[in-house]
N, C-alpha and C. Protein backbone atom coordinates (compact mmCIF):
# COMPACT_ATOMS: atom_id res chain seq x y z
N UNK A 1 -21.84 15.23 -10.79
CA UNK A 1 -21.75 14.17 -10.06
C UNK A 1 -20.26 13.65 -10.16
N UNK A 2 -19.64 13.22 -8.98
CA UNK A 2 -18.39 12.84 -8.96
C UNK A 2 -18.15 11.37 -9.27
N UNK A 3 -16.96 11.07 -9.71
CA UNK A 3 -16.61 9.70 -10.12
C UNK A 3 -15.15 9.40 -9.60
N UNK A 4 -14.98 8.05 -9.32
CA UNK A 4 -13.67 7.66 -8.84
C UNK A 4 -12.87 7.22 -10.05
N UNK A 5 -13.45 7.05 -11.18
CA UNK A 5 -12.70 6.43 -12.30
C UNK A 5 -11.90 7.61 -12.98
N UNK A 6 -10.67 7.20 -13.42
CA UNK A 6 -9.92 8.13 -14.10
C UNK A 6 -10.75 9.02 -15.06
N UNK A 7 -10.24 10.15 -15.46
CA UNK A 7 -10.90 10.97 -16.44
C UNK A 7 -10.38 10.64 -17.89
N UNK A 8 -11.28 10.53 -18.88
CA UNK A 8 -10.66 10.10 -20.20
C UNK A 8 -9.94 11.27 -20.78
N UNK A 9 -8.95 11.06 -21.58
CA UNK A 9 -8.14 12.02 -22.24
C UNK A 9 -8.22 11.69 -23.88
N UNK A 10 -8.47 12.76 -24.57
CA UNK A 10 -8.66 12.44 -26.03
C UNK A 10 -7.13 12.30 -26.60
N UNK A 11 -7.07 11.25 -27.55
CA UNK A 11 -5.84 11.19 -28.32
C UNK A 11 -6.09 11.94 -29.75
N UNK A 12 -5.06 12.17 -30.40
CA UNK A 12 -5.13 12.97 -31.69
C UNK A 12 -5.92 12.13 -32.67
N UNK A 13 -5.94 10.87 -32.66
CA UNK A 13 -6.80 9.98 -33.50
C UNK A 13 -8.19 9.90 -33.28
N UNK A 14 -8.56 10.56 -32.09
CA UNK A 14 -10.05 10.72 -31.78
C UNK A 14 -10.39 9.51 -30.74
N UNK A 15 -9.46 8.67 -30.39
CA UNK A 15 -9.74 7.71 -29.45
C UNK A 15 -9.63 8.35 -28.03
N UNK A 16 -10.21 7.62 -26.91
CA UNK A 16 -10.23 7.98 -25.69
C UNK A 16 -9.51 7.02 -24.86
N UNK A 17 -8.61 7.56 -24.04
CA UNK A 17 -7.85 6.67 -23.08
C UNK A 17 -7.85 7.18 -21.76
N UNK A 18 -7.70 6.24 -20.72
CA UNK A 18 -7.83 6.69 -19.43
C UNK A 18 -6.57 7.39 -19.01
N UNK A 19 -6.67 8.45 -18.11
CA UNK A 19 -5.55 9.10 -17.72
C UNK A 19 -4.91 8.47 -16.58
N UNK A 20 -3.58 8.26 -16.61
CA UNK A 20 -2.79 7.54 -15.62
C UNK A 20 -2.86 8.25 -14.31
N UNK A 21 -2.53 7.60 -13.18
CA UNK A 21 -2.52 8.10 -11.77
C UNK A 21 -1.45 9.31 -11.81
N UNK A 22 -0.24 8.97 -12.41
CA UNK A 22 0.82 10.03 -12.42
C UNK A 22 0.38 11.22 -13.18
N UNK A 23 -0.27 11.10 -14.36
CA UNK A 23 -0.77 12.35 -15.06
C UNK A 23 -1.80 13.02 -14.28
N UNK A 24 -2.66 12.29 -13.67
CA UNK A 24 -3.75 13.05 -12.89
C UNK A 24 -3.16 13.74 -11.66
N UNK A 25 -2.20 13.19 -10.98
CA UNK A 25 -1.43 13.91 -9.92
C UNK A 25 -0.71 15.14 -10.43
N UNK A 26 0.00 14.96 -11.44
CA UNK A 26 0.71 16.15 -12.09
C UNK A 26 -0.19 17.31 -12.40
N UNK A 27 -1.38 16.81 -13.10
CA UNK A 27 -2.36 17.96 -13.41
C UNK A 27 -2.88 18.52 -12.26
N UNK A 28 -3.19 17.89 -11.12
CA UNK A 28 -3.75 18.52 -10.04
C UNK A 28 -2.74 19.13 -9.07
N UNK A 29 -1.35 19.04 -9.45
CA UNK A 29 -0.39 19.62 -8.53
C UNK A 29 -0.05 18.88 -7.27
N UNK A 30 -0.28 17.55 -7.33
CA UNK A 30 -0.15 16.81 -6.06
C UNK A 30 1.31 16.15 -6.06
N UNK A 31 1.91 16.21 -5.08
CA UNK A 31 3.39 15.63 -4.98
C UNK A 31 3.33 14.54 -3.97
N UNK A 32 4.39 13.64 -4.01
CA UNK A 32 4.50 12.49 -3.16
C UNK A 32 4.71 13.01 -1.76
N UNK A 33 4.37 12.30 -0.70
CA UNK A 33 4.72 12.65 0.62
C UNK A 33 6.23 12.33 0.92
N UNK A 34 6.92 13.26 1.30
CA UNK A 34 8.43 13.12 1.54
C UNK A 34 8.63 12.86 3.06
N UNK A 35 7.76 13.02 3.92
CA UNK A 35 8.03 12.78 5.36
C UNK A 35 6.65 12.46 6.11
N UNK A 36 6.73 11.72 7.08
CA UNK A 36 5.42 11.50 7.98
C UNK A 36 5.03 12.69 8.57
N UNK A 37 5.94 13.70 8.71
CA UNK A 37 5.41 15.04 9.22
C UNK A 37 4.51 15.79 8.27
N UNK A 38 4.57 15.37 6.98
CA UNK A 38 3.69 15.98 5.89
C UNK A 38 2.21 15.64 6.29
N UNK A 39 1.97 14.55 7.09
CA UNK A 39 0.60 14.07 7.34
C UNK A 39 -0.01 14.62 8.66
N UNK A 40 0.95 15.25 9.45
CA UNK A 40 0.44 15.66 10.78
C UNK A 40 -0.23 17.12 10.65
N UNK A 41 -1.23 17.21 11.30
CA UNK A 41 -2.01 18.49 11.52
C UNK A 41 -2.88 18.54 12.63
N UNK A 42 -3.25 19.68 13.12
CA UNK A 42 -4.00 19.86 14.25
C UNK A 42 -5.47 19.55 13.82
N UNK A 43 -6.36 19.08 14.90
CA UNK A 43 -7.71 18.90 14.68
C UNK A 43 -8.23 17.70 13.98
N UNK A 44 -7.39 16.74 13.80
CA UNK A 44 -7.97 15.48 13.21
C UNK A 44 -8.76 14.72 14.16
N UNK A 45 -8.39 14.61 15.40
CA UNK A 45 -9.15 13.98 16.44
C UNK A 45 -9.86 15.00 17.31
N UNK A 46 -11.25 14.73 17.58
CA UNK A 46 -11.84 15.76 18.38
C UNK A 46 -11.53 15.56 19.92
N UNK A 47 -11.11 14.30 20.24
CA UNK A 47 -10.70 14.05 21.68
C UNK A 47 -9.72 12.99 21.74
N UNK A 48 -9.08 12.90 22.90
CA UNK A 48 -8.08 11.84 23.09
C UNK A 48 -8.86 10.56 23.14
N UNK A 49 -10.11 10.53 23.57
CA UNK A 49 -10.84 9.31 23.50
C UNK A 49 -11.02 8.76 21.97
N UNK A 50 -11.32 9.67 21.26
CA UNK A 50 -11.55 9.23 19.86
C UNK A 50 -10.21 8.78 19.18
N UNK A 51 -9.12 9.32 19.65
CA UNK A 51 -7.88 8.86 19.03
C UNK A 51 -7.52 7.46 19.66
N UNK A 52 -7.83 7.23 20.89
CA UNK A 52 -7.66 5.98 21.53
C UNK A 52 -8.51 4.84 20.94
N UNK A 53 -9.70 5.09 20.64
CA UNK A 53 -10.63 4.20 20.00
C UNK A 53 -10.02 3.82 18.57
N UNK A 54 -9.68 4.86 17.94
CA UNK A 54 -8.95 4.48 16.61
C UNK A 54 -7.74 3.60 16.76
N UNK A 55 -6.90 3.95 17.58
CA UNK A 55 -5.72 3.05 17.90
C UNK A 55 -6.11 1.58 18.28
N UNK A 56 -7.13 1.52 19.12
CA UNK A 56 -7.55 0.24 19.53
C UNK A 56 -8.09 -0.61 18.30
N UNK A 57 -8.87 0.14 17.49
CA UNK A 57 -9.34 -0.48 16.24
C UNK A 57 -8.17 -1.09 15.35
N UNK A 58 -7.19 -0.25 15.19
CA UNK A 58 -6.07 -0.68 14.42
C UNK A 58 -5.31 -1.80 14.96
N UNK A 59 -5.14 -1.75 16.32
CA UNK A 59 -4.50 -2.96 17.01
C UNK A 59 -5.30 -4.22 16.75
N UNK A 60 -6.62 -4.06 17.04
CA UNK A 60 -7.46 -5.23 16.83
C UNK A 60 -7.36 -5.86 15.45
N UNK A 61 -7.45 -4.98 14.46
CA UNK A 61 -7.39 -5.35 13.04
C UNK A 61 -6.01 -6.15 12.72
N UNK A 62 -4.92 -5.55 13.33
CA UNK A 62 -3.70 -6.25 13.10
C UNK A 62 -3.56 -7.47 13.62
N UNK A 63 -4.08 -7.68 14.86
CA UNK A 63 -4.15 -8.96 15.57
C UNK A 63 -4.96 -10.04 14.85
N UNK A 64 -6.11 -9.49 14.32
CA UNK A 64 -7.02 -10.34 13.52
C UNK A 64 -6.25 -10.87 12.39
N UNK A 65 -5.36 -10.17 11.68
CA UNK A 65 -4.70 -10.55 10.58
C UNK A 65 -3.51 -11.63 10.82
N UNK A 66 -3.10 -11.57 12.15
CA UNK A 66 -2.19 -12.57 12.58
C UNK A 66 -2.67 -13.98 12.88
N UNK A 67 -3.96 -14.01 13.09
CA UNK A 67 -4.54 -15.30 13.47
C UNK A 67 -4.85 -16.19 12.25
């Protein structure tokens, strides 16, 4: 079963502590995004209509935050 909470890490004294985000990322080999181009890839949107609906949702959300 998966969990979203950090995985515990044992200390030498037998206590358990929560693994930091940085430790977890390092262990998994994850690196920070260096460029917006790192996020681009083919096949995210099934159609132009799906992309347009998403962009409209984002615009509407931002407008709602301004009110």
